[in-house]
C-alpha atoms as a PDB file:
ATOM      1  CA  MET A   1       0.000   0.000   0.000  1.00  0.00           C
ATOM      2  CA  ALA A   2       1.210   3.467  -0.873  1.00  0.00           C
ATOM      3  CA  ILE A   3       1.604   6.197   1.709  1.00  0.00           C
ATOM      4  CA  VAL A   4      -0.473   9.276   0.920  1.00  0.00           C
ATOM      5  CA  ARG A   5       0.619  12.597   2.426  1.00  0.00           C
ATOM      6  CA  ILE A   6      -2.419  14.672   3.347  1.00  0.00           C
ATOM      7  CA  PRO A   7      -2.133  18.485   3.337  1.00  0.00           C
ATOM      8  CA  SER A   8      -3.268  20.344   6.460  1.00  0.00           C
ATOM      9  CA  PRO A   9      -6.576  21.635   5.001  1.00  0.00           C
ATOM     10  CA  LEU A  10      -7.696  18.064   4.211  1.00  0.00           C
ATOM     11  CA  ARG A  11      -6.667  16.387   7.460  1.00  0.00           C
ATOM     12  CA  LYS A  12     -10.098  16.905   8.995  1.00  0.00           C
ATOM     13  CA  TYR A  13     -11.270  14.178   6.592  1.00  0.00           C
ATOM     14  CA  THR A  14      -8.549  11.749   7.707  1.00  0.00           C
ATOM     15  CA  GLY A  15      -9.055  12.153  11.450  1.00  0.00           C
ATOM     16  CA  GLY A  16      -6.113  14.544  11.649  1.00  0.00           C
ATOM     17  CA  GLN A  17      -3.658  12.113  10.096  1.00  0.00           C
ATOM     18  CA  ALA A  18      -0.867  13.638   7.990  1.00  0.00           C
ATOM     19  CA  LYS A  19      -0.157  10.291   6.286  1.00  0.00           C
ATOM     20  CA  VAL A  20      -2.488   7.434   5.453  1.00  0.00           C
ATOM     21  CA  THR A  21      -1.760   4.066   3.858  1.00  0.00           C
ATOM     22  CA  ILE A  22      -4.016   3.344   0.897  1.00  0.00           C
ATOM     23  CA  PRO A  23      -4.038   0.396  -1.558  1.00  0.00           C
ATOM     24  CA  GLY A  24      -3.983   0.804  -5.326  1.00  0.00           C
ATOM     25  CA  ALA A  25      -1.884  -0.007  -8.369  1.00  0.00           C
ATOM     26  CA  THR A  26      -2.274   3.431  -9.971  1.00  0.00           C
ATOM     27  CA  VAL A  27      -2.722   6.973  -8.709  1.00  0.00           C
ATOM     28  CA  ALA A  28      -6.367   6.837  -9.856  1.00  0.00           C
ATOM     29  CA  GLU A  29      -7.003   3.683  -7.800  1.00  0.00           C
ATOM     30  CA  VAL A  30      -5.289   5.161  -4.753  1.00  0.00           C
ATOM     31  CA  MET A  31      -7.379   8.354  -5.008  1.00  0.00           C
ATOM     32  CA  THR A  32     -10.596   6.337  -5.397  1.00  0.00           C
ATOM     33  CA  ASN A  33      -9.671   4.176  -2.394  1.00  0.00           C
ATOM     34  CA  LEU A  34      -8.678   7.270  -0.400  1.00  0.00           C
ATOM     35  CA  ALA A  35     -12.105   8.789  -1.093  1.00  0.00           C
ATOM     36  CA  ALA A  36     -13.836   5.559  -0.054  1.00  0.00           C
ATOM     37  CA  ALA A  37     -11.818   5.268   3.162  1.00  0.00           C
ATOM     38  CA  HIS A  38     -12.196   8.933   4.134  1.00  0.00           C
ATOM     39  CA  PRO A  39     -15.667  10.295   3.306  1.00  0.00           C
ATOM     40  CA  GLY A  40     -15.777  13.977   2.457  1.00  0.00           C
ATOM     41  CA  ILE A  41     -12.341  14.177   0.880  1.00  0.00           C
ATOM     42  CA  ALA A  42     -13.442  13.268  -2.676  1.00  0.00           C
ATOM     43  CA  PRO A  43     -15.177  16.565  -3.546  1.00  0.00           C
ATOM     44  CA  ARG A  44     -12.023  18.411  -2.544  1.00  0.00           C
ATOM     45  CA  ILE A  45      -9.644  16.433  -4.770  1.00  0.00           C
ATOM     46  CA  GLN A  46     -11.758  14.779  -7.489  1.00  0.00           C
ATOM     47  CA  ASN A  47     -14.214  15.862 -10.160  1.00  0.00           C
ATOM     48  CA  ASP A  48     -17.570  14.097 -10.441  1.00  0.00           C
ATOM     49  CA  ASP A  49     -16.061  11.659 -12.966  1.00  0.00           C
ATOM     50  CA  GLY A  50     -13.303  10.667 -10.497  1.00  0.00           C
ATOM     51  CA  SER A  51     -10.526  12.572 -12.250  1.00  0.00           C
ATOM     52  CA  ILE A  52      -8.197  14.717 -10.160  1.00  0.00           C
ATOM     53  CA  LYS A  53      -9.187  18.362 -10.042  1.00  0.00           C
ATOM     54  CA  ARG A  54      -7.114  20.712 -12.179  1.00  0.00           C
ATOM     55  CA  PHE A  55      -5.895  22.763  -9.211  1.00  0.00           C
ATOM     56  CA  ILE A  56      -4.715  19.737  -7.244  1.00  0.00           C
ATOM     57  CA  ASN A  57      -1.114  18.719  -7.849  1.00  0.00           C
ATOM     58  CA  VAL A  58      -0.221  15.112  -7.124  1.00  0.00           C
ATOM     59  CA  PHE A  59       3.317  13.824  -6.808  1.00  0.00           C
ATOM     60  CA  VAL A  60       4.563  10.252  -6.721  1.00  0.00           C
ATOM     61  CA  ASN A  61       7.746  10.483  -4.728  1.00  0.00           C
ATOM     62  CA  GLU A  62       9.368  13.608  -6.253  1.00  0.00           C
ATOM     63  CA  ASP A  63       7.634  13.539  -9.663  1.00  0.00           C
ATOM     64  CA  GLU A  64       4.456  15.415 -10.551  1.00  0.00           C
ATOM     65  CA  ILE A  65       2.046  12.967 -12.193  1.00  0.00           C
ATOM     66  CA  ARG A  66       1.319  15.283 -15.138  1.00  0.00           C
ATOM     67  CA  ALA A  67       4.954  14.757 -16.174  1.00  0.00           C
ATOM     68  CA  LEU A  68       4.456  10.982 -15.881  1.00  0.00           C
ATOM     69  CA  ASN A  69       1.287   9.127 -16.940  1.00  0.00           C
ATOM     70  CA  GLY A  70      -1.243  11.307 -15.152  1.00  0.00           C
ATOM     71  CA  ASP A  71      -3.573   9.439 -12.838  1.00  0.00           C
ATOM     72  CA  ALA A  72      -2.639   6.218 -14.688  1.00  0.00           C
ATOM     73  CA  THR A  73       0.840   6.479 -13.134  1.00  0.00           C
ATOM     74  CA  THR A  74       1.643   3.176 -11.450  1.00  0.00           C
ATOM     75  CA  VAL A  75       2.515   3.078  -7.774  1.00  0.00           C
ATOM     76  CA  SER A  76       4.161   0.480  -5.573  1.00  0.00           C
ATOM     77  CA  ASP A  77       4.007  -0.241  -1.869  1.00  0.00           C
ATOM     78  CA  THR A  78       7.142   1.818  -1.296  1.00  0.00           C
ATOM     79  CA  ASP A  79       5.885   4.959  -3.061  1.00  0.00           C
ATOM     80  CA  GLU A  80       4.757   8.146  -1.356  1.00  0.00           C
ATOM     81  CA  ILE A  81       1.978  10.151  -2.953  1.00  0.00           C
ATOM     82  CA  SER A  82       1.693  13.819  -2.016  1.00  0.00           C
ATOM     83  CA  ILE A  83      -1.467  15.850  -2.561  1.00  0.00           C
ATOM     84  CA  ILE A  84      -0.634  19.529  -2.976  1.00  0.00           C
ATOM     85  CA  PRO A  85      -3.485  22.021  -3.447  1.00  0.00           C
ATOM     86  CA  ALA A  86      -2.484  24.922  -5.702  1.00  0.00           C
ATOM     87  CA  MET A  87      -1.935  28.196  -3.906  1.00  0.00           C
ATOM     88  CA  ALA A  88      -3.361  31.465  -5.151  1.00  0.00           C
ATOM     89  CA  GLY A  89      -2.929  35.055  -4.207  1.00  0.00           C
ATOM     90  CA  GLY A  90      -0.146  37.541  -4.059  1.00  0.00           C
ATOM     91  CA  LYS A  91       0.280  40.823  -5.854  1.00  0.00           C
END
């Protein structure tokens, strides 16, 4: 199972946990299983069709999935997936 790093704003959906262990062979499967295991998180990270929202950046280890195979990127039990909401603001 991959380790998923949860950003602070989403930890209320994971019982305050900063990291959760979620099964899945691809990023898409991990995100679907994350949403099933932690109700309420899906609308914050996924569109209605299950795809990852445009403003959510997802990394497998150090690589952003858009530079890999998107949500079809394969993951192993030793991988860490980081969910990074895009930041806005500034001057």
